[in-house]
Amino acid sequence: LLRFIVLSEAEASYGAYKVKVINEFPHDPQAYTQ
């Protein structure tokens, strides 16, 4: 039962997200961003 509860809590907190673009800003296309 405890294993089930722990697993259920982990699954409940696990999620995935797509994104919406709010703004776009210019960026140096020669910048190899690290």
PDB file of all heavy atoms in Angstrom:
ATOM      1  N   LEU A   1       0.824  -1.203   0.000  1.00  0.00           N
ATOM      2  CA  LEU A   1       0.000   0.000   0.000  1.00  0.00           C
ATOM      3  C   LEU A   1       0.854   1.246   0.000  1.00  0.00           C
ATOM      4  O   LEU A   1       0.588   2.209  -0.735  1.00  0.00           O
ATOM      5  CB  LEU A   1      -0.933  -0.018   1.209  1.00  0.00           C
ATOM      6  CG  LEU A   1      -1.855   1.206   1.372  1.00  0.00           C
ATOM      7  CD1 LEU A   1      -2.780   1.311   0.166  1.00  0.00           C
ATOM      8  CD2 LEU A   1      -2.663   1.091   2.664  1.00  0.00           C
ATOM      9  N   LEU A   2       1.910   1.239   0.833  1.00  0.00           N
ATOM     10  CA  LEU A   2       2.808   2.395   0.891  1.00  0.00           C
ATOM     11  C   LEU A   2       3.499   2.619  -0.450  1.00  0.00           C
ATOM     12  O   LEU A   2       3.664   3.748  -0.895  1.00  0.00           O
ATOM     13  CB  LEU A   2       3.850   2.198   2.004  1.00  0.00           C
ATOM     14  CG  LEU A   2       3.322   2.352   3.430  1.00  0.00           C
ATOM     15  CD1 LEU A   2       4.394   1.930   4.437  1.00  0.00           C
ATOM     16  CD2 LEU A   2       2.908   3.804   3.692  1.00  0.00           C
ATOM     17  N   ARG A   3       3.924   1.547  -1.079  1.00  0.00           N
ATOM     18  CA  ARG A   3       4.563   1.668  -2.404  1.00  0.00           C
ATOM     19  C   ARG A   3       3.595   2.277  -3.404  1.00  0.00           C
ATOM     20  O   ARG A   3       3.963   3.110  -4.223  1.00  0.00           O
ATOM     21  CB  ARG A   3       5.021   0.292  -2.888  1.00  0.00           C
ATOM     22  CG  ARG A   3       6.299  -0.201  -2.222  1.00  0.00           C
ATOM     23  CD  ARG A   3       6.653  -1.582  -2.714  1.00  0.00           C
ATOM     24  NE  ARG A   3       7.904  -2.057  -2.144  1.00  0.00           N
ATOM     25  CZ  ARG A   3       8.361  -3.304  -2.267  1.00  0.00           C
ATOM     26  NH1 ARG A   3       7.659  -4.192  -2.958  1.00  0.00           N
ATOM     27  NH2 ARG A   3       9.505  -3.646  -1.729  1.00  0.00           N
ATOM     28  N   PHE A   4       2.329   1.861  -3.339  1.00  0.00           N
ATOM     29  CA  PHE A   4       1.322   2.390  -4.250  1.00  0.00           C
ATOM     30  C   PHE A   4       1.106   3.876  -4.014  1.00  0.00           C
ATOM     31  O   PHE A   4       1.009   4.666  -4.955  1.00  0.00           O
ATOM     32  CB  PHE A   4       0.006   1.631  -4.065  1.00  0.00           C
ATOM     33  CG  PHE A   4      -1.137   2.202  -4.863  1.00  0.00           C
ATOM     34  CD1 PHE A   4      -1.231   1.947  -6.226  1.00  0.00           C
ATOM     35  CD2 PHE A   4      -2.091   3.009  -4.258  1.00  0.00           C
ATOM     36  CE1 PHE A   4      -2.272   2.472  -6.971  1.00  0.00           C
ATOM     37  CE2 PHE A   4      -3.122   3.541  -5.000  1.00  0.00           C
ATOM     38  CZ  PHE A   4      -3.223   3.261  -6.352  1.00  0.00           C
ATOM     39  N   ILE A   5       1.059   4.271  -2.721  1.00  0.00           N
ATOM     40  CA  ILE A   5       0.842   5.679  -2.389  1.00  0.00           C
ATOM     41  C   ILE A   5       2.000   6.530  -2.884  1.00  0.00           C
ATOM     42  O   ILE A   5       1.813   7.576  -3.497  1.00  0.00           O
ATOM     43  CB  ILE A   5       0.656   5.858  -0.867  1.00  0.00           C
ATOM     44  CG1 ILE A   5      -0.667   5.228  -0.427  1.00  0.00           C
ATOM     45  CG2 ILE A   5       0.689   7.332  -0.482  1.00  0.00           C
ATOM     46  CD1 ILE A   5      -0.847   5.158   1.072  1.00  0.00           C
ATOM     47  N   VAL A   6       3.243   6.085  -2.632  1.00  0.00           N
ATOM     48  CA  VAL A   6       4.432   6.827  -3.074  1.00  0.00           C
ATOM     49  C   VAL A   6       4.454   6.959  -4.580  1.00  0.00           C
ATOM     50  O   VAL A   6       4.700   8.025  -5.142  1.00  0.00           O
ATOM     51  CB  VAL A   6       5.718   6.143  -2.564  1.00  0.00           C
ATOM     52  CG1 VAL A   6       6.943   6.765  -3.217  1.00  0.00           C
ATOM     53  CG2 VAL A   6       5.812   6.264  -1.048  1.00  0.00           C
ATOM     54  N   LEU A   7       4.170   5.838  -5.277  1.00  0.00           N
ATOM     55  CA  LEU A   7       4.161   5.863  -6.741  1.00  0.00           C
ATOM     56  C   LEU A   7       3.077   6.805  -7.255  1.00  0.00           C
ATOM     57  O   LEU A   7       3.293   7.576  -8.183  1.00  0.00           O
ATOM     58  CB  LEU A   7       3.933   4.448  -7.284  1.00  0.00           C
ATOM     59  CG  LEU A   7       3.885   4.294  -8.804  1.00  0.00           C
ATOM     60  CD1 LEU A   7       5.200   4.747  -9.411  1.00  0.00           C
ATOM     61  CD2 LEU A   7       3.571   2.857  -9.185  1.00  0.00           C
ATOM     62  N   SER A   8       1.893   6.759  -6.603  1.00  0.00           N
ATOM     63  CA  SER A   8       0.799   7.607  -7.051  1.00  0.00           C
ATOM     64  C   SER A   8       1.145   9.076  -6.882  1.00  0.00           C
ATOM     65  O   SER A   8       0.844   9.894  -7.741  1.00  0.00           O
ATOM     66  CB  SER A   8      -0.472   7.274  -6.260  1.00  0.00           C
ATOM     67  OG  SER A   8      -0.870   5.941  -6.491  1.00  0.00           O
ATOM     68  N   GLU A   9       1.803   9.421  -5.760  1.00  0.00           N
ATOM     69  CA  GLU A   9       2.198  10.809  -5.529  1.00  0.00           C
ATOM     70  C   GLU A   9       3.215  11.259  -6.561  1.00  0.00           C
ATOM     71  O   GLU A   9       3.153  12.377  -7.083  1.00  0.00           O
ATOM     72  CB  GLU A   9       2.768  10.963  -4.122  1.00  0.00           C
ATOM     73  CG  GLU A   9       1.719  10.866  -3.030  1.00  0.00           C
ATOM     74  CD  GLU A   9       2.307  10.979  -1.646  1.00  0.00           C
ATOM     75  OE1 GLU A   9       3.542  10.892  -1.506  1.00  0.00           O
ATOM     76  OE2 GLU A   9       1.524  11.143  -0.693  1.00  0.00           O
ATOM     77  N   ALA A  10       4.179  10.379  -6.892  1.00  0.00           N
ATOM     78  CA  ALA A  10       5.194  10.726  -7.885  1.00  0.00           C
ATOM     79  C   ALA A  10       4.558  10.933  -9.243  1.00  0.00           C
ATOM     80  O   ALA A  10       4.874  11.878  -9.961  1.00  0.00           O
ATOM     81  CB  ALA A  10       6.253   9.620  -7.959  1.00  0.00           C
ATOM     82  N   GLU A  11       3.617  10.033  -9.606  1.00  0.00           N
ATOM     83  CA  GLU A  11       2.961  10.166 -10.897  1.00  0.00           C
ATOM     84  C   GLU A  11       2.103  11.428 -10.956  1.00  0.00           C
ATOM     85  O   GLU A  11       2.002  12.082 -11.988  1.00  0.00           O
ATOM     86  CB  GLU A  11       2.103   8.927 -11.166  1.00  0.00           C
ATOM     87  CG  GLU A  11       2.940   7.683 -11.474  1.00  0.00           C
ATOM     88  CD  GLU A  11       2.087   6.460 -11.687  1.00  0.00           C
ATOM     89  OE1 GLU A  11       0.906   6.484 -11.276  1.00  0.00           O
ATOM     90  OE2 GLU A  11       2.578   5.482 -12.247  1.00  0.00           O
ATOM     91  N   ALA A  12       1.495  11.764  -9.801  1.00  0.00           N
ATOM     92  CA  ALA A  12       0.633  12.949  -9.771  1.00  0.00           C
ATOM     93  C   ALA A  12       1.426  14.230  -9.963  1.00  0.00           C
ATOM     94  O   ALA A  12       0.942  15.199 -10.529  1.00  0.00           O
ATOM     95  CB  ALA A  12      -0.133  12.998  -8.451  1.00  0.00           C
ATOM     96  N   SER A  13       2.673  14.228  -9.469  1.00  0.00           N
ATOM     97  CA  SER A  13       3.485  15.441  -9.557  1.00  0.00           C
ATOM     98  C   SER A  13       4.236  15.538 -10.879  1.00  0.00           C
ATOM     99  O   SER A  13       4.801  16.572 -11.200  1.00  0.00           O
ATOM    100  CB  SER A  13       4.492  15.480  -8.398  1.00  0.00           C
ATOM    101  OG  SER A  13       5.410  14.408  -8.502  1.00  0.00           O
ATOM    102  N   TYR A  14       4.253  14.433 -11.631  1.00  0.00           N
ATOM    103  CA  TYR A  14       5.000  14.378 -12.884  1.00  0.00           C
ATOM    104  C   TYR A  14       4.126  14.917 -14.006  1.00  0.00           C
ATOM    105  O   TYR A  14       2.978  14.508 -14.160  1.00  0.00           O
ATOM    106  CB  TYR A  14       5.399  12.929 -13.160  1.00  0.00           C
ATOM    107  CG  TYR A  14       6.174  12.712 -14.435  1.00  0.00           C
ATOM    108  CD1 TYR A  14       7.562  12.817 -14.442  1.00  0.00           C
ATOM    109  CD2 TYR A  14       5.536  12.374 -15.628  1.00  0.00           C
ATOM    110  CE1 TYR A  14       8.286  12.598 -15.600  1.00  0.00           C
ATOM    111  CE2 TYR A  14       6.252  12.149 -16.783  1.00  0.00           C
ATOM    112  CZ  TYR A  14       7.623  12.258 -16.760  1.00  0.00           C
ATOM    113  OH  TYR A  14       8.340  12.033 -17.909  1.00  0.00           O
ATOM    114  N   GLY A  15       4.654  15.857 -14.772  1.00  0.00           N
ATOM    115  CA  GLY A  15       3.856  16.428 -15.845  1.00  0.00           C
ATOM    116  C   GLY A  15       4.712  16.876 -17.001  1.00  0.00           C
ATOM    117  O   GLY A  15       5.939  16.929 -16.916  1.00  0.00           O
ATOM    118  N   ALA A  16       4.051  17.202 -18.082  1.00  0.00           N
ATOM    119  CA  ALA A  16       4.738  17.716 -19.262  1.00  0.00           C
ATOM    120  C   ALA A  16       4.016  18.967 -19.738  1.00  0.00           C
ATOM    121  O   ALA A  16       2.815  19.139 -19.510  1.00  0.00           O
ATOM    122  CB  ALA A  16       4.785  16.665 -20.367  1.00  0.00           C
ATOM    123  N   TYR A  17       4.764  19.827 -20.420  1.00  0.00           N
ATOM    124  CA  TYR A  17       4.245  21.126 -20.818  1.00  0.00           C
ATOM    125  C   TYR A  17       4.664  21.448 -22.244  1.00  0.00           C
ATOM    126  O   TYR A  17       5.801  21.202 -22.635  1.00  0.00           O
ATOM    127  CB  TYR A  17       4.790  22.227 -19.892  1.00  0.00           C
ATOM    128  CG  TYR A  17       4.506  21.982 -18.433  1.00  0.00           C
ATOM    129  CD1 TYR A  17       5.297  21.106 -17.690  1.00  0.00           C
ATOM    130  CD2 TYR A  17       3.452  22.611 -17.789  1.00  0.00           C
ATOM    131  CE1 TYR A  17       5.034  20.861 -16.346  1.00  0.00           C
ATOM    132  CE2 TYR A  17       3.186  22.382 -16.455  1.00  0.00           C
ATOM    133  CZ  TYR A  17       3.974  21.500 -15.741  1.00  0.00           C
ATOM    134  OH  TYR A  17       3.707  21.259 -14.422  1.00  0.00           O
ATOM    135  N   LYS A  18       3.744  21.998 -22.991  1.00  0.00           N
ATOM    136  CA  LYS A  18       4.103  22.667 -24.229  1.00  0.00           C
ATOM    137  C   LYS A  18       4.240  24.145 -23.891  1.00  0.00           C
ATOM    138  O   LYS A  18       4.028  24.545 -22.736  1.00  0.00           O
ATOM    139  CB  LYS A  18       3.052  22.431 -25.308  1.00  0.00           C
ATOM    140  CG  LYS A  18       1.664  22.929 -24.983  1.00  0.00           C
ATOM    141  CD  LYS A  18       0.694  22.590 -26.112  1.00  0.00           C
ATOM    142  CE  LYS A  18      -0.711  23.093 -25.776  1.00  0.00           C
ATOM    143  NZ  LYS A  18      -1.665  22.808 -26.878  1.00  0.00           N
ATOM    144  N   VAL A  19       4.605  24.974 -24.864  1.00  0.00           N
ATOM    145  CA  VAL A  19       4.843  26.378 -24.544  1.00  0.00           C
ATOM    146  C   VAL A  19       4.074  27.304 -25.478  1.00  0.00           C
ATOM    147  O   VAL A  19       3.785  26.962 -26.624  1.00  0.00           O
ATOM    148  CB  VAL A  19       6.349  26.728 -24.610  1.00  0.00           C
ATOM    149  CG1 VAL A  19       7.134  25.932 -23.588  1.00  0.00           C
ATOM    150  CG2 VAL A  19       6.909  26.529 -26.008  1.00  0.00           C
ATOM    151  N   LYS A  20       3.755  28.454 -24.946  1.00  0.00           N
ATOM    152  CA  LYS A  20       3.175  29.541 -25.719  1.00  0.00           C
ATOM    153  C   LYS A  20       4.190  30.668 -25.757  1.00  0.00           C
ATOM    154  O   LYS A  20       4.773  31.018 -24.724  1.00  0.00           O
ATOM    155  CB  LYS A  20       1.887  30.031 -25.062  1.00  0.00           C
ATOM    156  CG  LYS A  20       1.251  31.234 -25.758  1.00  0.00           C
ATOM    157  CD  LYS A  20      -0.007  31.693 -25.024  1.00  0.00           C
ATOM    158  CE  LYS A  20      -0.624  32.905 -25.698  1.00  0.00           C
ATOM    159  NZ  LYS A  20      -1.836  33.377 -24.981  1.00  0.00           N
ATOM    160  N   VAL A  21       4.455  31.222 -26.930  1.00  0.00           N
ATOM    161  CA  VAL A  21       5.413  32.328 -27.057  1.00  0.00           C
ATOM    162  C   VAL A  21       4.719  33.629 -26.676  1.00  0.00           C
ATOM    163  O   VAL A  21       3.705  34.006 -27.272  1.00  0.00           O
ATOM    164  CB  VAL A  21       5.973  32.411 -28.492  1.00  0.00           C
ATOM    165  CG1 VAL A  21       6.867  33.649 -28.635  1.00  0.00           C
ATOM    166  CG2 VAL A  21       6.764  31.145 -28.827  1.00  0.00           C
ATOM    167  N   ILE A  22       5.279  34.303 -25.675  1.00  0.00           N
ATOM    168  CA  ILE A  22       4.741  35.578 -25.208  1.00  0.00           C
ATOM    169  C   ILE A  22       5.401  36.744 -25.939  1.00  0.00           C
ATOM    170  O   ILE A  22       4.744  37.704 -26.341  1.00  0.00           O
ATOM    171  CB  ILE A  22       4.958  35.737 -23.688  1.00  0.00           C
ATOM    172  CG1 ILE A  22       4.331  34.561 -22.933  1.00  0.00           C
ATOM    173  CG2 ILE A  22       4.387  37.063 -23.194  1.00  0.00           C
ATOM    174  CD1 ILE A  22       2.851  34.401 -23.135  1.00  0.00           C
ATOM    175  N   ASN A  23       6.721  36.648 -26.132  1.00  0.00           N
ATOM    176  CA  ASN A  23       7.489  37.691 -26.829  1.00  0.00           C
ATOM    177  C   ASN A  23       8.655  37.064 -27.567  1.00  0.00           C
ATOM    178  O   ASN A  23       9.142  35.983 -27.182  1.00  0.00           O
ATOM    179  CB  ASN A  23       8.024  38.742 -25.843  1.00  0.00           C
ATOM    180  CG  ASN A  23       6.981  39.759 -25.434  1.00  0.00           C
ATOM    181  OD1 ASN A  23       6.384  40.415 -26.285  1.00  0.00           O
ATOM    182  ND2 ASN A  23       6.751  39.893 -24.140  1.00  0.00           N
ATOM    183  N   GLU A  24       9.112  37.746 -28.592  1.00  0.00           N
ATOM    184  CA  GLU A  24      10.341  37.370 -29.290  1.00  0.00           C
ATOM    185  C   GLU A  24      11.299  38.556 -29.263  1.00  0.00           C
ATOM    186  O   GLU A  24      10.878  39.700 -29.450  1.00  0.00           O
ATOM    187  CB  GLU A  24      10.053  36.996 -30.744  1.00  0.00           C
ATOM    188  CG  GLU A  24       9.165  35.793 -30.918  1.00  0.00           C
ATOM    189  CD  GLU A  24       8.936  35.449 -32.386  1.00  0.00           C
ATOM    190  OE1 GLU A  24       9.662  36.015 -33.248  1.00  0.00           O
ATOM    191  OE2 GLU A  24       8.045  34.644 -32.678  1.00  0.00           O
ATOM    192  N   PHE A  25      12.576  38.264 -29.037  1.00  0.00           N
ATOM    193  CA  PHE A  25      13.595  39.308 -28.993  1.00  0.00           C
ATOM    194  C   PHE A  25      14.749  38.909 -29.905  1.00  0.00           C
ATOM    195  O   PHE A  25      15.046  37.723 -30.072  1.00  0.00           O
ATOM    196  CB  PHE A  25      14.115  39.493 -27.562  1.00  0.00           C
ATOM    197  CG  PHE A  25      13.024  39.797 -26.560  1.00  0.00           C
ATOM    198  CD1 PHE A  25      12.476  38.787 -25.776  1.00  0.00           C
ATOM    199  CD2 PHE A  25      12.549  41.083 -26.403  1.00  0.00           C
ATOM    200  CE1 PHE A  25      11.475  39.051 -24.866  1.00  0.00           C
ATOM    201  CE2 PHE A  25      11.548  41.372 -25.486  1.00  0.00           C
ATOM    202  CZ  PHE A  25      11.013  40.354 -24.713  1.00  0.00           C
ATOM    203  N   PRO A  26      15.425  39.893 -30.511  1.00  0.00           N
ATOM    204  CA  PRO A  26      16.562  39.560 -31.386  1.00  0.00           C
ATOM    205  C   PRO A  26      17.727  38.981 -30.600  1.00  0.00           C
ATOM    206  O   PRO A  26      17.963  39.350 -29.444  1.00  0.00           O
ATOM    207  CB  PRO A  26      16.927  40.912 -32.007  1.00  0.00           C
ATOM    208  CG  PRO A  26      16.371  41.946 -31.084  1.00  0.00           C
ATOM    209  CD  PRO A  26      15.154  41.347 -30.468  1.00  0.00           C
ATOM    210  N   HIS A  27      18.432  38.064 -31.241  1.00  0.00           N
ATOM    211  CA  HIS A  27      19.590  37.412 -30.632  1.00  0.00           C
ATOM    212  C   HIS A  27      20.668  37.269 -31.697  1.00  0.00           C
ATOM    213  O   HIS A  27      20.367  36.978 -32.860  1.00  0.00           O
ATOM    214  CB  HIS A  27      19.200  36.030 -30.095  1.00  0.00           C
ATOM    215  CG  HIS A  27      20.310  35.269 -29.463  1.00  0.00           C
ATOM    216  ND1 HIS A  27      20.798  34.078 -29.977  1.00  0.00           N
ATOM    217  CD2 HIS A  27      21.055  35.529 -28.349  1.00  0.00           C
ATOM    218  CE1 HIS A  27      21.766  33.626 -29.192  1.00  0.00           C
ATOM    219  NE2 HIS A  27      21.943  34.485 -28.210  1.00  0.00           N
ATOM    220  N   ASP A  28      21.909  37.490 -31.302  1.00  0.00           N
ATOM    221  CA  ASP A  28      23.036  37.397 -32.228  1.00  0.00           C
ATOM    222  C   ASP A  28      23.092  35.998 -32.847  1.00  0.00           C
ATOM    223  O   ASP A  28      23.359  35.019 -32.147  1.00  0.00           O
ATOM    224  CB  ASP A  28      24.331  37.700 -31.465  1.00  0.00           C
ATOM    225  CG  ASP A  28      25.567  37.613 -32.339  1.00  0.00           C
ATOM    226  OD1 ASP A  28      25.438  37.353 -33.559  1.00  0.00           O
ATOM    227  OD2 ASP A  28      26.688  37.793 -31.796  1.00  0.00           O
ATOM    228  N   PRO A  29      22.856  35.862 -34.159  1.00  0.00           N
ATOM    229  CA  PRO A  29      22.857  34.536 -34.774  1.00  0.00           C
ATOM    230  C   PRO A  29      24.249  33.922 -34.889  1.00  0.00           C
ATOM    231  O   PRO A  29      24.370  32.762 -35.293  1.00  0.00           O
ATOM    232  CB  PRO A  29      22.254  34.800 -36.163  1.00  0.00           C
ATOM    233  CG  PRO A  29      22.578  36.231 -36.448  1.00  0.00           C
ATOM    234  CD  PRO A  29      22.523  36.929 -35.120  1.00  0.00           C
ATOM    235  N   GLN A  30      25.275  34.682 -34.503  1.00  0.00           N
ATOM    236  CA  GLN A  30      26.640  34.146 -34.473  1.00  0.00           C
ATOM    237  C   GLN A  30      27.036  33.699 -33.060  1.00  0.00           C
ATOM    238  O   GLN A  30      28.155  33.229 -32.861  1.00  0.00           O
ATOM    239  CB  GLN A  30      27.630  35.204 -34.976  1.00  0.00           C
ATOM    240  CG  GLN A  30      27.406  35.631 -36.411  1.00  0.00           C
ATOM    241  CD  GLN A  30      27.500  34.467 -37.376  1.00  0.00           C
ATOM    242  OE1 GLN A  30      28.440  33.687 -37.350  1.00  0.00           O
ATOM    243  NE2 GLN A  30      26.499  34.340 -38.246  1.00  0.00           N
ATOM    244  N   ALA A  31      26.122  33.861 -32.118  1.00  0.00           N
ATOM    245  CA  ALA A  31      26.419  33.495 -30.724  1.00  0.00           C
ATOM    246  C   ALA A  31      26.120  32.017 -30.510  1.00  0.00           C
ATOM    247  O   ALA A  31      24.963  31.582 -30.601  1.00  0.00           O
ATOM    248  CB  ALA A  31      25.602  34.351 -29.767  1.00  0.00           C
ATOM    249  N   TYR A  32      27.150  31.256 -30.216  1.00  0.00           N
ATOM    250  CA  TYR A  32      27.023  29.825 -29.942  1.00  0.00           C
ATOM    251  C   TYR A  32      26.726  29.671 -28.449  1.00  0.00           C
ATOM    252  O   TYR A  32      27.605  29.386 -27.643  1.00  0.00           O
ATOM    253  CB  TYR A  32      28.325  29.124 -30.334  1.00  0.00           C
ATOM    254  CG  TYR A  32      28.232  27.633 -30.515  1.00  0.00           C
ATOM    255  CD1 TYR A  32      27.706  27.088 -31.685  1.00  0.00           C
ATOM    256  CD2 TYR A  32      28.690  26.757 -29.527  1.00  0.00           C
ATOM    257  CE1 TYR A  32      27.643  25.716 -31.865  1.00  0.00           C
ATOM    258  CE2 TYR A  32      28.629  25.388 -29.694  1.00  0.00           C
ATOM    259  CZ  TYR A  32      28.098  24.874 -30.863  1.00  0.00           C
ATOM    260  OH  TYR A  32      28.034  23.511 -31.042  1.00  0.00           O
ATOM    261  N   THR A  33      25.478  29.873 -28.093  1.00  0.00           N
ATOM    262  CA  THR A  33      25.088  30.038 -26.693  1.00  0.00           C
ATOM    263  C   THR A  33      25.366  28.798 -25.855  1.00  0.00           C
ATOM    264  O   THR A  33      24.913  27.697 -26.173  1.00  0.00           O
ATOM    265  CB  THR A  33      23.592  30.387 -26.601  1.00  0.00           C
ATOM    266  OG1 THR A  33      23.335  31.537 -27.417  1.00  0.00           O
ATOM    267  CG2 THR A  33      23.182  30.666 -25.167  1.00  0.00           C
ATOM    268  N   GLN A  34      26.097  29.016 -24.764  1.00  0.00           N
ATOM    269  CA  GLN A  34      26.435  27.947 -23.827  1.00  0.00           C
ATOM    270  C   GLN A  34      25.879  28.210 -22.435  1.00  0.00           C
ATOM    271  O   GLN A  34      25.683  27.278 -21.658  1.00  0.00           O
ATOM    272  CB  GLN A  34      27.957  27.780 -23.742  1.00  0.00           C
ATOM    273  CG  GLN A  34      28.622  27.452 -25.068  1.00  0.00           C
ATOM    274  CD  GLN A  34      28.311  26.041 -25.516  1.00  0.00           C
ATOM    275  OE1 GLN A  34      27.186  25.715 -25.893  1.00  0.00           O
ATOM    276  NE2 GLN A  34      29.303  25.177 -25.463  1.00  0.00           N
TER     277      GLN A  34
END
